[in-house]
Amino acid sequence: DDNADRDELTSRIRLRWLASERHTLDLGMTYIDMDNGYDAFS
């Protein structure tokens, strides 16, 4: 009964550097792993 299962991992890292009152730097990293089954039609 898990032939169309959903196994989903979401991960994010975000950094914001307020270098000065006039300069901002944003670094972002995302990893998403959708390990899903597919058995939809009969």
PDB file of all heavy atoms in Angstrom:
ATOM      1  N   ASP A   1       0.825  -1.204   0.000  1.00  0.00           N
ATOM      2  CA  ASP A   1       0.000   0.000   0.000  1.00  0.00           C
ATOM      3  C   ASP A   1       0.864   1.260   0.000  1.00  0.00           C
ATOM      4  O   ASP A   1       0.373   2.362   0.228  1.00  0.00           O
ATOM      5  CB  ASP A   1      -0.961   0.022   1.191  1.00  0.00           C
ATOM      6  CG  ASP A   1      -0.237  -0.028   2.527  1.00  0.00           C
ATOM      7  OD1 ASP A   1       1.007   0.028   2.553  1.00  0.00           O
ATOM      8  OD2 ASP A   1      -0.926  -0.104   3.563  1.00  0.00           O
ATOM      9  N   ASP A   2       2.175   1.070  -0.257  1.00  0.00           N
ATOM     10  CA  ASP A   2       3.074   2.222  -0.343  1.00  0.00           C
ATOM     11  C   ASP A   2       3.748   2.282  -1.714  1.00  0.00           C
ATOM     12  O   ASP A   2       4.848   2.807  -1.858  1.00  0.00           O
ATOM     13  CB  ASP A   2       4.123   2.176   0.769  1.00  0.00           C
ATOM     14  CG  ASP A   2       5.012   0.937   0.710  1.00  0.00           C
ATOM     15  OD1 ASP A   2       4.719   0.035  -0.115  1.00  0.00           O
ATOM     16  OD2 ASP A   2       5.989   0.866   1.476  1.00  0.00           O
ATOM     17  N   ASN A   3       3.085   1.741  -2.740  1.00  0.00           N
ATOM     18  CA  ASN A   3       3.657   1.728  -4.087  1.00  0.00           C
ATOM     19  C   ASN A   3       3.708   3.124  -4.701  1.00  0.00           C
ATOM     20  O   ASN A   3       4.409   3.344  -5.689  1.00  0.00           O
ATOM     21  CB  ASN A   3       2.862   0.792  -4.997  1.00  0.00           C
ATOM     22  CG  ASN A   3       1.365   1.027  -4.905  1.00  0.00           C
ATOM     23  OD1 ASN A   3       0.813   1.023  -3.808  1.00  0.00           O
ATOM     24  ND2 ASN A   3       0.706   1.213  -6.031  1.00  0.00           N
ATOM     25  N   ALA A   4       2.969   4.082  -4.134  1.00  0.00           N
ATOM     26  CA  ALA A   4       3.018   5.473  -4.586  1.00  0.00           C
ATOM     27  C   ALA A   4       3.356   6.372  -3.398  1.00  0.00           C
ATOM     28  O   ALA A   4       2.750   7.415  -3.186  1.00  0.00           O
ATOM     29  CB  ALA A   4       1.693   5.880  -5.219  1.00  0.00           C
ATOM     30  N   ASP A   5       4.368   5.951  -2.638  1.00  0.00           N
ATOM     31  CA  ASP A   5       4.704   6.671  -1.407  1.00  0.00           C
ATOM     32  C   ASP A   5       5.363   8.015  -1.717  1.00  0.00           C
ATOM     33  O   ASP A   5       5.837   8.270  -2.825  1.00  0.00           O
ATOM     34  CB  ASP A   5       5.620   5.830  -0.519  1.00  0.00           C
ATOM     35  CG  ASP A   5       6.975   5.565  -1.158  1.00  0.00           C
ATOM     36  OD1 ASP A   5       7.047   5.494  -2.398  1.00  0.00           O
ATOM     37  OD2 ASP A   5       7.966   5.436  -0.415  1.00  0.00           O
ATOM     38  N   ARG A   6       5.379   8.883  -0.696  1.00  0.00           N
ATOM     39  CA  ARG A   6       6.022  10.184  -0.777  1.00  0.00           C
ATOM     40  C   ARG A   6       7.060  10.278   0.331  1.00  0.00           C
ATOM     41  O   ARG A   6       6.720  10.259   1.516  1.00  0.00           O
ATOM     42  CB  ARG A   6       4.980  11.296  -0.650  1.00  0.00           C
ATOM     43  CG  ARG A   6       4.024  11.327  -1.826  1.00  0.00           C
ATOM     44  CD  ARG A   6       2.858  12.257  -1.626  1.00  0.00           C
ATOM     45  NE  ARG A   6       2.067  12.390  -2.860  1.00  0.00           N
ATOM     46  CZ  ARG A   6       0.946  13.085  -2.950  1.00  0.00           C
ATOM     47  NH1 ARG A   6       0.468  13.700  -1.874  1.00  0.00           N
ATOM     48  NH2 ARG A   6       0.297  13.159  -4.100  1.00  0.00           N
ATOM     49  N   ASP A   7       8.302  10.350  -0.086  1.00  0.00           N
ATOM     50  CA  ASP A   7       9.434  10.390   0.833  1.00  0.00           C
ATOM     51  C   ASP A   7      10.249  11.630   0.463  1.00  0.00           C
ATOM     52  O   ASP A   7      11.034  11.601  -0.490  1.00  0.00           O
ATOM     53  CB  ASP A   7      10.253   9.110   0.673  1.00  0.00           C
ATOM     54  CG  ASP A   7      11.375   8.995   1.695  1.00  0.00           C
ATOM     55  OD1 ASP A   7      11.586   9.955   2.461  1.00  0.00           O
ATOM     56  OD2 ASP A   7      12.048   7.949   1.704  1.00  0.00           O
ATOM     57  N   GLU A   8      10.047  12.736   1.196  1.00  0.00           N
ATOM     58  CA  GLU A   8      10.518  14.039   0.744  1.00  0.00           C
ATOM     59  C   GLU A   8      11.320  14.750   1.836  1.00  0.00           C
ATOM     60  O   GLU A   8      10.836  14.941   2.961  1.00  0.00           O
ATOM     61  CB  GLU A   8       9.315  14.902   0.335  1.00  0.00           C
ATOM     62  CG  GLU A   8       8.497  14.238  -0.761  1.00  0.00           C
ATOM     63  CD  GLU A   8       7.144  14.876  -1.028  1.00  0.00           C
ATOM     64  OE1 GLU A   8       6.750  15.780  -0.253  1.00  0.00           O
ATOM     65  OE2 GLU A   8       6.476  14.479  -2.001  1.00  0.00           O
ATOM     66  N   LEU A   9      12.531  15.127   1.477  1.00  0.00           N
ATOM     67  CA  LEU A   9      13.431  15.830   2.385  1.00  0.00           C
ATOM     68  C   LEU A   9      13.647  17.251   1.865  1.00  0.00           C
ATOM     69  O   LEU A   9      13.985  17.451   0.696  1.00  0.00           O
ATOM     70  CB  LEU A   9      14.772  15.108   2.477  1.00  0.00           C
ATOM     71  CG  LEU A   9      15.875  15.804   3.287  1.00  0.00           C
ATOM     72  CD1 LEU A   9      15.523  15.806   4.781  1.00  0.00           C
ATOM     73  CD2 LEU A   9      17.230  15.134   3.060  1.00  0.00           C
ATOM     74  N   THR A  10      13.461  18.229   2.746  1.00  0.00           N
ATOM     75  CA  THR A  10      13.682  19.636   2.398  1.00  0.00           C
ATOM     76  C   THR A  10      14.698  20.223   3.370  1.00  0.00           C
ATOM     77  O   THR A  10      14.545  20.088   4.590  1.00  0.00           O
ATOM     78  CB  THR A  10      12.375  20.439   2.492  1.00  0.00           C
ATOM     79  OG1 THR A  10      11.411  19.893   1.596  1.00  0.00           O
ATOM     80  CG2 THR A  10      12.609  21.906   2.157  1.00  0.00           C
ATOM     81  N   SER A  11      15.724  20.864   2.847  1.00  0.00           N
ATOM     82  CA  SER A  11      16.720  21.494   3.715  1.00  0.00           C
ATOM     83  C   SER A  11      17.199  22.790   3.082  1.00  0.00           C
ATOM     84  O   SER A  11      17.393  22.878   1.865  1.00  0.00           O
ATOM     85  CB  SER A  11      17.909  20.557   3.963  1.00  0.00           C
ATOM     86  OG  SER A  11      18.513  20.180   2.734  1.00  0.00           O
ATOM     87  N   ARG A  12      17.371  23.817   3.916  1.00  0.00           N
ATOM     88  CA  ARG A  12      17.828  25.123   3.447  1.00  0.00           C
ATOM     89  C   ARG A  12      18.770  25.745   4.472  1.00  0.00           C
ATOM     90  O   ARG A  12      18.566  25.608   5.678  1.00  0.00           O
ATOM     91  CB  ARG A  12      16.649  26.081   3.230  1.00  0.00           C
ATOM     92  CG  ARG A  12      15.664  25.674   2.169  1.00  0.00           C
ATOM     93  CD  ARG A  12      14.654  26.790   1.911  1.00  0.00           C
ATOM     94  NE  ARG A  12      13.630  26.389   0.953  1.00  0.00           N
ATOM     95  CZ  ARG A  12      12.469  25.855   1.286  1.00  0.00           C
ATOM     96  NH1 ARG A  12      12.189  25.669   2.564  1.00  0.00           N
ATOM     97  NH2 ARG A  12      11.597  25.517   0.360  1.00  0.00           N
ATOM     98  N   ILE A  13      19.758  26.445   3.952  1.00  0.00           N
ATOM     99  CA  ILE A  13      20.645  27.267   4.781  1.00  0.00           C
ATOM    100  C   ILE A  13      20.702  28.647   4.140  1.00  0.00           C
ATOM    101  O   ILE A  13      20.956  28.761   2.926  1.00  0.00           O
ATOM    102  CB  ILE A  13      22.064  26.678   4.875  1.00  0.00           C
ATOM    103  CG1 ILE A  13      22.038  25.291   5.510  1.00  0.00           C
ATOM    104  CG2 ILE A  13      22.983  27.607   5.662  1.00  0.00           C
ATOM    105  CD1 ILE A  13      23.391  24.603   5.507  1.00  0.00           C
ATOM    106  N   ARG A  14      20.457  29.687   4.921  1.00  0.00           N
ATOM    107  CA  ARG A  14      20.541  31.047   4.412  1.00  0.00           C
ATOM    108  C   ARG A  14      21.377  31.892   5.367  1.00  0.00           C
ATOM    109  O   ARG A  14      21.205  31.837   6.594  1.00  0.00           O
ATOM    110  CB  ARG A  14      19.144  31.665   4.247  1.00  0.00           C
ATOM    111  CG  ARG A  14      18.254  30.893   3.281  1.00  0.00           C
ATOM    112  CD  ARG A  14      16.961  31.612   2.978  1.00  0.00           C
ATOM    113  NE  ARG A  14      17.190  32.839   2.208  1.00  0.00           N
ATOM    114  CZ  ARG A  14      16.205  33.557   1.674  1.00  0.00           C
ATOM    115  NH1 ARG A  14      14.933  33.166   1.825  1.00  0.00           N
ATOM    116  NH2 ARG A  14      16.467  34.657   0.995  1.00  0.00           N
ATOM    117  N   LEU A  15      22.300  32.647   4.794  1.00  0.00           N
ATOM    118  CA  LEU A  15      23.144  33.568   5.559  1.00  0.00           C
ATOM    119  C   LEU A  15      22.955  34.975   5.004  1.00  0.00           C
ATOM    120  O   LEU A  15      22.863  35.160   3.787  1.00  0.00           O
ATOM    121  CB  LEU A  15      24.619  33.181   5.452  1.00  0.00           C
ATOM    122  CG  LEU A  15      25.035  31.829   6.028  1.00  0.00           C
ATOM    123  CD1 LEU A  15      26.492  31.548   5.694  1.00  0.00           C
ATOM    124  CD2 LEU A  15      24.817  31.803   7.540  1.00  0.00           C
ATOM    125  N   ARG A  16      22.899  35.948   5.897  1.00  0.00           N
ATOM    126  CA  ARG A  16      22.814  37.354   5.487  1.00  0.00           C
ATOM    127  C   ARG A  16      23.906  38.139   6.209  1.00  0.00           C
ATOM    128  O   ARG A  16      23.964  38.167   7.432  1.00  0.00           O
ATOM    129  CB  ARG A  16      21.439  37.938   5.807  1.00  0.00           C
ATOM    130  CG  ARG A  16      21.333  39.453   5.586  1.00  0.00           C
ATOM    131  CD  ARG A  16      19.901  39.916   5.564  1.00  0.00           C
ATOM    132  NE  ARG A  16      19.206  39.418   4.380  1.00  0.00           N
ATOM    133  CZ  ARG A  16      17.901  39.606   4.148  1.00  0.00           C
ATOM    134  NH1 ARG A  16      17.170  40.259   5.037  1.00  0.00           N
ATOM    135  NH2 ARG A  16      17.356  39.142   3.040  1.00  0.00           N
ATOM    136  N   TRP A  17      24.762  38.754   5.413  1.00  0.00           N
ATOM    137  CA  TRP A  17      25.853  39.552   5.960  1.00  0.00           C
ATOM    138  C   TRP A  17      25.523  41.032   5.754  1.00  0.00           C
ATOM    139  O   TRP A  17      25.414  41.504   4.623  1.00  0.00           O
ATOM    140  CB  TRP A  17      27.175  39.199   5.264  1.00  0.00           C
ATOM    141  CG  TRP A  17      28.351  39.985   5.780  1.00  0.00           C
ATOM    142  CD1 TRP A  17      28.553  40.429   7.054  1.00  0.00           C
ATOM    143  CD2 TRP A  17      29.480  40.408   5.022  1.00  0.00           C
ATOM    144  NE1 TRP A  17      29.738  41.112   7.156  1.00  0.00           N
ATOM    145  CE2 TRP A  17      30.336  41.111   5.913  1.00  0.00           C
ATOM    146  CE3 TRP A  17      29.871  40.258   3.692  1.00  0.00           C
ATOM    147  CZ2 TRP A  17      31.547  41.668   5.507  1.00  0.00           C
ATOM    148  CZ3 TRP A  17      31.070  40.806   3.278  1.00  0.00           C
ATOM    149  CH2 TRP A  17      31.902  41.504   4.182  1.00  0.00           C
ATOM    150  N   LEU A  18      25.370  41.736   6.854  1.00  0.00           N
ATOM    151  CA  LEU A  18      25.121  43.178   6.814  1.00  0.00           C
ATOM    152  C   LEU A  18      26.475  43.862   6.816  1.00  0.00           C
ATOM    153  O   LEU A  18      26.982  44.309   7.849  1.00  0.00           O
ATOM    154  CB  LEU A  18      24.274  43.602   8.013  1.00  0.00           C
ATOM    155  CG  LEU A  18      22.975  42.793   8.220  1.00  0.00           C
ATOM    156  CD1 LEU A  18      22.290  43.187   9.517  1.00  0.00           C
ATOM    157  CD2 LEU A  18      22.041  42.967   7.032  1.00  0.00           C
ATOM    158  N   ALA A  19      27.075  43.918   5.623  1.00  0.00           N
ATOM    159  CA  ALA A  19      28.453  44.391   5.522  1.00  0.00           C
ATOM    160  C   ALA A  19      28.593  45.832   5.983  1.00  0.00           C
ATOM    161  O   ALA A  19      29.620  46.212   6.560  1.00  0.00           O
ATOM    162  CB  ALA A  19      28.949  44.245   4.080  1.00  0.00           C
ATOM    163  N   SER A  20      27.593  46.647   5.705  1.00  0.00           N
ATOM    164  CA  SER A  20      27.577  48.036   6.155  1.00  0.00           C
ATOM    165  C   SER A  20      26.144  48.523   6.045  1.00  0.00           C
ATOM    166  O   SER A  20      25.239  47.767   5.673  1.00  0.00           O
ATOM    167  CB  SER A  20      28.516  48.896   5.301  1.00  0.00           C
ATOM    168  OG  SER A  20      28.000  49.042   3.990  1.00  0.00           O
ATOM    169  N   GLU A  21      25.924  49.775   6.349  1.00  0.00           N
ATOM    170  CA  GLU A  21      24.579  50.313   6.232  1.00  0.00           C
ATOM    171  C   GLU A  21      24.112  50.329   4.781  1.00  0.00           C
ATOM    172  O   GLU A  21      22.915  50.395   4.515  1.00  0.00           O
ATOM    173  CB  GLU A  21      24.524  51.734   6.801  1.00  0.00           C
ATOM    174  CG  GLU A  21      24.715  51.791   8.318  1.00  0.00           C
ATOM    175  CD  GLU A  21      24.575  53.200   8.843  1.00  0.00           C
ATOM    176  OE1 GLU A  21      24.373  54.123   8.017  1.00  0.00           O
ATOM    177  OE2 GLU A  21      24.652  53.381  10.071  1.00  0.00           O
ATOM    178  N   ARG A  22      25.044  50.245   3.836  1.00  0.00           N
ATOM    179  CA  ARG A  22      24.703  50.365   2.422  1.00  0.00           C
ATOM    180  C   ARG A  22      24.912  49.082   1.625  1.00  0.00           C
ATOM    181  O   ARG A  22      24.566  49.031   0.443  1.00  0.00           O
ATOM    182  CB  ARG A  22      25.528  51.492   1.785  1.00  0.00           C
ATOM    183  CG  ARG A  22      25.176  52.864   2.334  1.00  0.00           C
ATOM    184  CD  ARG A  22      26.175  53.932   1.927  1.00  0.00           C
ATOM    185  NE  ARG A  22      26.668  53.755   0.571  1.00  0.00           N
ATOM    186  CZ  ARG A  22      27.950  53.901   0.221  1.00  0.00           C
ATOM    187  NH1 ARG A  22      28.858  54.182   1.153  1.00  0.00           N
ATOM    188  NH2 ARG A  22      28.320  53.757  -1.034  1.00  0.00           N
ATOM    189  N   HIS A  23      25.462  48.047   2.241  1.00  0.00           N
ATOM    190  CA  HIS A  23      25.783  46.830   1.490  1.00  0.00           C
ATOM    191  C   HIS A  23      25.309  45.596   2.257  1.00  0.00           C
ATOM    192  O   HIS A  23      25.622  45.443   3.446  1.00  0.00           O
ATOM    193  CB  HIS A  23      27.292  46.730   1.240  1.00  0.00           C
ATOM    194  CG  HIS A  23      27.861  47.901   0.498  1.00  0.00           C
ATOM    195  ND1 HIS A  23      27.675  48.085  -0.851  1.00  0.00           N
ATOM    196  CD2 HIS A  23      28.596  48.958   0.927  1.00  0.00           C
ATOM    197  CE1 HIS A  23      28.277  49.193  -1.229  1.00  0.00           C
ATOM    198  NE2 HIS A  23      28.841  49.748  -0.171  1.00  0.00           N
ATOM    199  N   THR A  24      24.561  44.739   1.549  1.00  0.00           N
ATOM    200  CA  THR A  24      24.066  43.493   2.120  1.00  0.00           C
ATOM    201  C   THR A  24      24.393  42.347   1.171  1.00  0.00           C
ATOM    202  O   THR A  24      24.285  42.483  -0.053  1.00  0.00           O
ATOM    203  CB  THR A  24      22.545  43.552   2.341  1.00  0.00           C
ATOM    204  OG1 THR A  24      22.222  44.654   3.179  1.00  0.00           O
ATOM    205  CG2 THR A  24      22.046  42.272   2.990  1.00  0.00           C
ATOM    206  N   LEU A  25      24.774  41.214   1.735  1.00  0.00           N
ATOM    207  CA  LEU A  25      25.082  40.019   0.947  1.00  0.00           C
ATOM    208  C   LEU A  25      24.285  38.846   1.503  1.00  0.00           C
ATOM    209  O   LEU A  25      24.253  38.628   2.723  1.00  0.00           O
ATOM    210  CB  LEU A  25      26.579  39.733   1.000  1.00  0.00           C
ATOM    211  CG  LEU A  25      27.109  38.557   0.171  1.00  0.00           C
ATOM    212  CD1 LEU A  25      28.526  38.859  -0.316  1.00  0.00           C
ATOM    213  CD2 LEU A  25      27.121  37.263   1.000  1.00  0.00           C
ATOM    214  N   ASP A  26      23.625  38.110   0.598  1.00  0.00           N
ATOM    215  CA  ASP A  26      22.830  36.940   0.986  1.00  0.00           C
ATOM    216  C   ASP A  26      23.355  35.700   0.283  1.00  0.00           C
ATOM    217  O   ASP A  26      23.494  35.686  -0.952  1.00  0.00           O
ATOM    218  CB  ASP A  26      21.365  37.144   0.611  1.00  0.00           C
ATOM    219  CG  ASP A  26      20.656  38.110   1.536  1.00  0.00           C
ATOM    220  OD1 ASP A  26      20.188  37.667   2.596  1.00  0.00           O
ATOM    221  OD2 ASP A  26      20.583  39.312   1.200  1.00  0.00           O
ATOM    222  N   LEU A  27      23.606  34.660   1.061  1.00  0.00           N
ATOM    223  CA  LEU A  27      24.027  33.364   0.539  1.00  0.00           C
ATOM    224  C   LEU A  27      22.956  32.341   0.893  1.00  0.00           C
ATOM    225  O   LEU A  27      22.531  32.249   2.052  1.00  0.00           O
ATOM    226  CB  LEU A  27      25.363  32.943   1.138  1.00  0.00           C
ATOM    227  CG  LEU A  27      25.857  31.528   0.789  1.00  0.00           C
ATOM    228  CD1 LEU A  27      26.169  31.424  -0.695  1.00  0.00           C
ATOM    229  CD2 LEU A  27      27.081  31.163   1.629  1.00  0.00           C
ATOM    230  N   GLY A  28      22.499  31.593  -0.106  1.00  0.00           N
ATOM    231  CA  GLY A  28      21.491  30.577   0.149  1.00  0.00           C
ATOM    232  C   GLY A  28      21.874  29.252  -0.469  1.00  0.00           C
ATOM    233  O   GLY A  28      22.432  29.201  -1.571  1.00  0.00           O
ATOM    234  N   MET A  29      21.577  28.171   0.242  1.00  0.00           N
ATOM    235  CA  MET A  29      21.798  26.812  -0.266  1.00  0.00           C
ATOM    236  C   MET A  29      20.566  25.977   0.032  1.00  0.00           C
ATOM    237  O   MET A  29      20.022  26.024   1.139  1.00  0.00           O
ATOM    238  CB  MET A  29      23.039  26.189   0.367  1.00  0.00           C
ATOM    239  CG  MET A  29      24.344  26.821  -0.087  1.00  0.00           C
ATOM    240  SD  MET A  29      25.810  26.056   0.659  1.00  0.00           S
ATOM    241  CE  MET A  29      25.676  26.696   2.331  1.00  0.00           C
ATOM    242  N   THR A  30      20.126  25.232  -0.969  1.00  0.00           N
ATOM    243  CA  THR A  30      18.923  24.411  -0.852  1.00  0.00           C
ATOM    244  C   THR A  30      19.210  23.008  -1.360  1.00  0.00           C
ATOM    245  O   THR A  30      19.844  22.832  -2.403  1.00  0.00           O
ATOM    246  CB  THR A  30      17.766  25.014  -1.673  1.00  0.00           C
ATOM    247  OG1 THR A  30      17.450  26.313  -1.169  1.00  0.00           O
ATOM    248  CG2 THR A  30      16.531  24.139  -1.598  1.00  0.00           C
ATOM    249  N   TYR A  31      18.738  22.019  -0.601  1.00  0.00           N
ATOM    250  CA  TYR A  31      18.810  20.629  -1.039  1.00  0.00           C
ATOM    251  C   TYR A  31      17.436  20.014  -0.816  1.00  0.00           C
ATOM    252  O   TYR A  31      16.924  20.005   0.312  1.00  0.00           O
ATOM    253  CB  TYR A  31      19.862  19.847  -0.263  1.00  0.00           C
ATOM    254  CG  TYR A  31      19.909  18.375  -0.619  1.00  0.00           C
ATOM    255  CD1 TYR A  31      20.462  17.943  -1.820  1.00  0.00           C
ATOM    256  CD2 TYR A  31      19.376  17.420   0.247  1.00  0.00           C
ATOM    257  CE1 TYR A  31      20.491  16.600  -2.157  1.00  0.00           C
ATOM    258  CE2 TYR A  31      19.398  16.070  -0.076  1.00  0.00           C
ATOM    259  CZ  TYR A  31      19.957  15.662  -1.277  1.00  0.00           C
ATOM    260  OH  TYR A  31      19.977  14.326  -1.621  1.00  0.00           O
ATOM    261  N   ILE A  32      16.826  19.526  -1.894  1.00  0.00           N
ATOM    262  CA  ILE A  32      15.511  18.892  -1.814  1.00  0.00           C
ATOM    263  C   ILE A  32      15.597  17.532  -2.497  1.00  0.00           C
ATOM    264  O   ILE A  32      16.043  17.433  -3.645  1.00  0.00           O
ATOM    265  CB  ILE A  32      14.429  19.766  -2.474  1.00  0.00           C
ATOM    266  CG1 ILE A  32      14.290  21.095  -1.714  1.00  0.00           C
ATOM    267  CG2 ILE A  32      13.094  19.034  -2.509  1.00  0.00           C
ATOM    268  CD1 ILE A  32      13.266  22.044  -2.296  1.00  0.00           C
ATOM    269  N   ASP A  33      15.166  16.497  -1.785  1.00  0.00           N
ATOM    270  CA  ASP A  33      15.231  15.131  -2.295  1.00  0.00           C
ATOM    271  C   ASP A  33      13.827  14.535  -2.259  1.00  0.00           C
ATOM    272  O   ASP A  33      13.294  14.239  -1.193  1.00  0.00           O
ATOM    273  CB  ASP A  33      16.188  14.300  -1.444  1.00  0.00           C
ATOM    274  CG  ASP A  33      16.405  12.894  -2.009  1.00  0.00           C
ATOM    275  OD1 ASP A  33      15.996  12.653  -3.155  1.00  0.00           O
ATOM    276  OD2 ASP A  33      16.984  12.049  -1.296  1.00  0.00           O
ATOM    277  N   MET A  34      13.221  14.380  -3.449  1.00  0.00           N
ATOM    278  CA  MET A  34      11.879  13.815  -3.580  1.00  0.00           C
ATOM    279  C   MET A  34      12.027  12.370  -4.065  1.00  0.00           C
ATOM    280  O   MET A  34      12.184  12.117  -5.262  1.00  0.00           O
ATOM    281  CB  MET A  34      11.063  14.627  -4.586  1.00  0.00           C
ATOM    282  CG  MET A  34      11.125  16.139  -4.397  1.00  0.00           C
ATOM    283  SD  MET A  34      10.193  16.716  -2.988  1.00  0.00           S
ATOM    284  CE  MET A  34       8.525  16.550  -3.588  1.00  0.00           C
ATOM    285  N   ASP A  35      11.991  11.426  -3.152  1.00  0.00           N
ATOM    286  CA  ASP A  35      12.183  10.011  -3.485  1.00  0.00           C
ATOM    287  C   ASP A  35      10.815   9.326  -3.489  1.00  0.00           C
ATOM    288  O   ASP A  35      10.497   8.519  -2.612  1.00  0.00           O
ATOM    289  CB  ASP A  35      13.129   9.373  -2.477  1.00  0.00           C
ATOM    290  CG  ASP A  35      13.548   7.970  -2.887  1.00  0.00           C
ATOM    291  OD1 ASP A  35      13.323   7.603  -4.058  1.00  0.00           O
ATOM    292  OD2 ASP A  35      14.073   7.237  -2.033  1.00  0.00           O
ATOM    293  N   ASN A  36      10.007   9.640  -4.497  1.00  0.00           N
ATOM    294  CA  ASN A  36       8.606   9.232  -4.500  1.00  0.00           C
ATOM    295  C   ASN A  36       8.345   8.073  -5.453  1.00  0.00           C
ATOM    296  O   ASN A  36       8.969   7.971  -6.515  1.00  0.00           O
ATOM    297  CB  ASN A  36       7.710  10.409  -4.908  1.00  0.00           C
ATOM    298  CG  ASN A  36       7.781  11.546  -3.897  1.00  0.00           C
ATOM    299  OD1 ASN A  36       8.111  11.342  -2.734  1.00  0.00           O
ATOM    300  ND2 ASN A  36       7.466  12.746  -4.341  1.00  0.00           N
ATOM    301  N   GLY A  37       7.394   7.244  -5.070  1.00  0.00           N
ATOM    302  CA  GLY A  37       6.936   6.186  -5.955  1.00  0.00           C
ATOM    303  C   GLY A  37       5.887   6.709  -6.924  1.00  0.00           C
ATOM    304  O   GLY A  37       5.246   7.738  -6.681  1.00  0.00           O
ATOM    305  N   TYR A  38       5.702   5.990  -8.045  1.00  0.00           N
ATOM    306  CA  TYR A  38       4.704   6.401  -9.030  1.00  0.00           C
ATOM    307  C   TYR A  38       4.039   5.157  -9.605  1.00  0.00           C
ATOM    308  O   TYR A  38       4.659   4.383 -10.342  1.00  0.00           O
ATOM    309  CB  TYR A  38       5.359   7.233 -10.139  1.00  0.00           C
ATOM    310  CG  TYR A  38       4.402   7.620 -11.238  1.00  0.00           C
ATOM    311  CD1 TYR A  38       3.267   8.374 -10.959  1.00  0.00           C
ATOM    312  CD2 TYR A  38       4.627   7.223 -12.552  1.00  0.00           C
ATOM    313  CE1 TYR A  38       2.382   8.726 -11.957  1.00  0.00           C
ATOM    314  CE2 TYR A  38       3.750   7.575 -13.568  1.00  0.00           C
ATOM    315  CZ  TYR A  38       2.623   8.326 -13.268  1.00  0.00           C
ATOM    316  OH  TYR A  38       1.752   8.674 -14.256  1.00  0.00           O
ATOM    317  N   ASP A  39       2.776   4.968  -9.245  1.00  0.00           N
ATOM    318  CA  ASP A  39       2.012   3.801  -9.694  1.00  0.00           C
ATOM    319  C   ASP A  39       0.546   4.230  -9.685  1.00  0.00           C
ATOM    320  O   ASP A  39      -0.230   3.834  -8.824  1.00  0.00           O
ATOM    321  CB  ASP A  39       2.257   2.626  -8.745  1.00  0.00           C
ATOM    322  CG  ASP A  39       1.695   1.309  -9.272  1.00  0.00           C
ATOM    323  OD1 ASP A  39       1.458   1.207 -10.481  1.00  0.00           O
ATOM    324  OD2 ASP A  39       1.488   0.400  -8.448  1.00  0.00           O
ATOM    325  N   ALA A  40       0.157   5.057 -10.662  1.00  0.00           N
ATOM    326  CA  ALA A  40      -1.080   5.823 -10.555  1.00  0.00           C
ATOM    327  C   ALA A  40      -2.244   5.271 -11.365  1.00  0.00           C
ATOM    328  O   ALA A  40      -3.393   5.540 -11.036  1.00  0.00           O
ATOM    329  CB  ALA A  40      -0.823   7.273 -10.973  1.00  0.00           C
ATOM    330  N   PHE A  41      -1.979   4.512 -12.442  1.00  0.00           N
ATOM    331  CA  PHE A  41      -3.051   4.143 -13.367  1.00  0.00           C
ATOM    332  C   PHE A  41      -3.390   2.660 -13.262  1.00  0.00           C
ATOM    333  O   PHE A  41      -2.513   1.816 -13.068  1.00  0.00           O
ATOM    334  CB  PHE A  41      -2.648   4.474 -14.805  1.00  0.00           C
ATOM    335  CG  PHE A  41      -2.673   5.945 -15.099  1.00  0.00           C
ATOM    336  CD1 PHE A  41      -1.540   6.719 -14.898  1.00  0.00           C
ATOM    337  CD2 PHE A  41      -3.828   6.552 -15.552  1.00  0.00           C
ATOM    338  CE1 PHE A  41      -1.557   8.072 -15.163  1.00  0.00           C
ATOM    339  CE2 PHE A  41      -3.854   7.909 -15.826  1.00  0.00           C
ATOM    340  CZ  PHE A  41      -2.715   8.673 -15.625  1.00  0.00           C
ATOM    341  N   SER A  42      -4.675   2.370 -13.424  1.00  0.00           N
ATOM    342  CA  SER A  42      -5.134   0.979 -13.461  1.00  0.00           C
ATOM    343  C   SER A  42      -6.098   0.810 -14.622  1.00  0.00           C
ATOM    344  O   SER A  42      -6.737   1.767 -15.070  1.00  0.00           O
ATOM    345  CB  SER A  42      -5.837   0.597 -12.156  1.00  0.00           C
ATOM    346  OG  SER A  42      -7.118   1.205 -12.070  1.00  0.00           O
TER     347      SER A  42
END
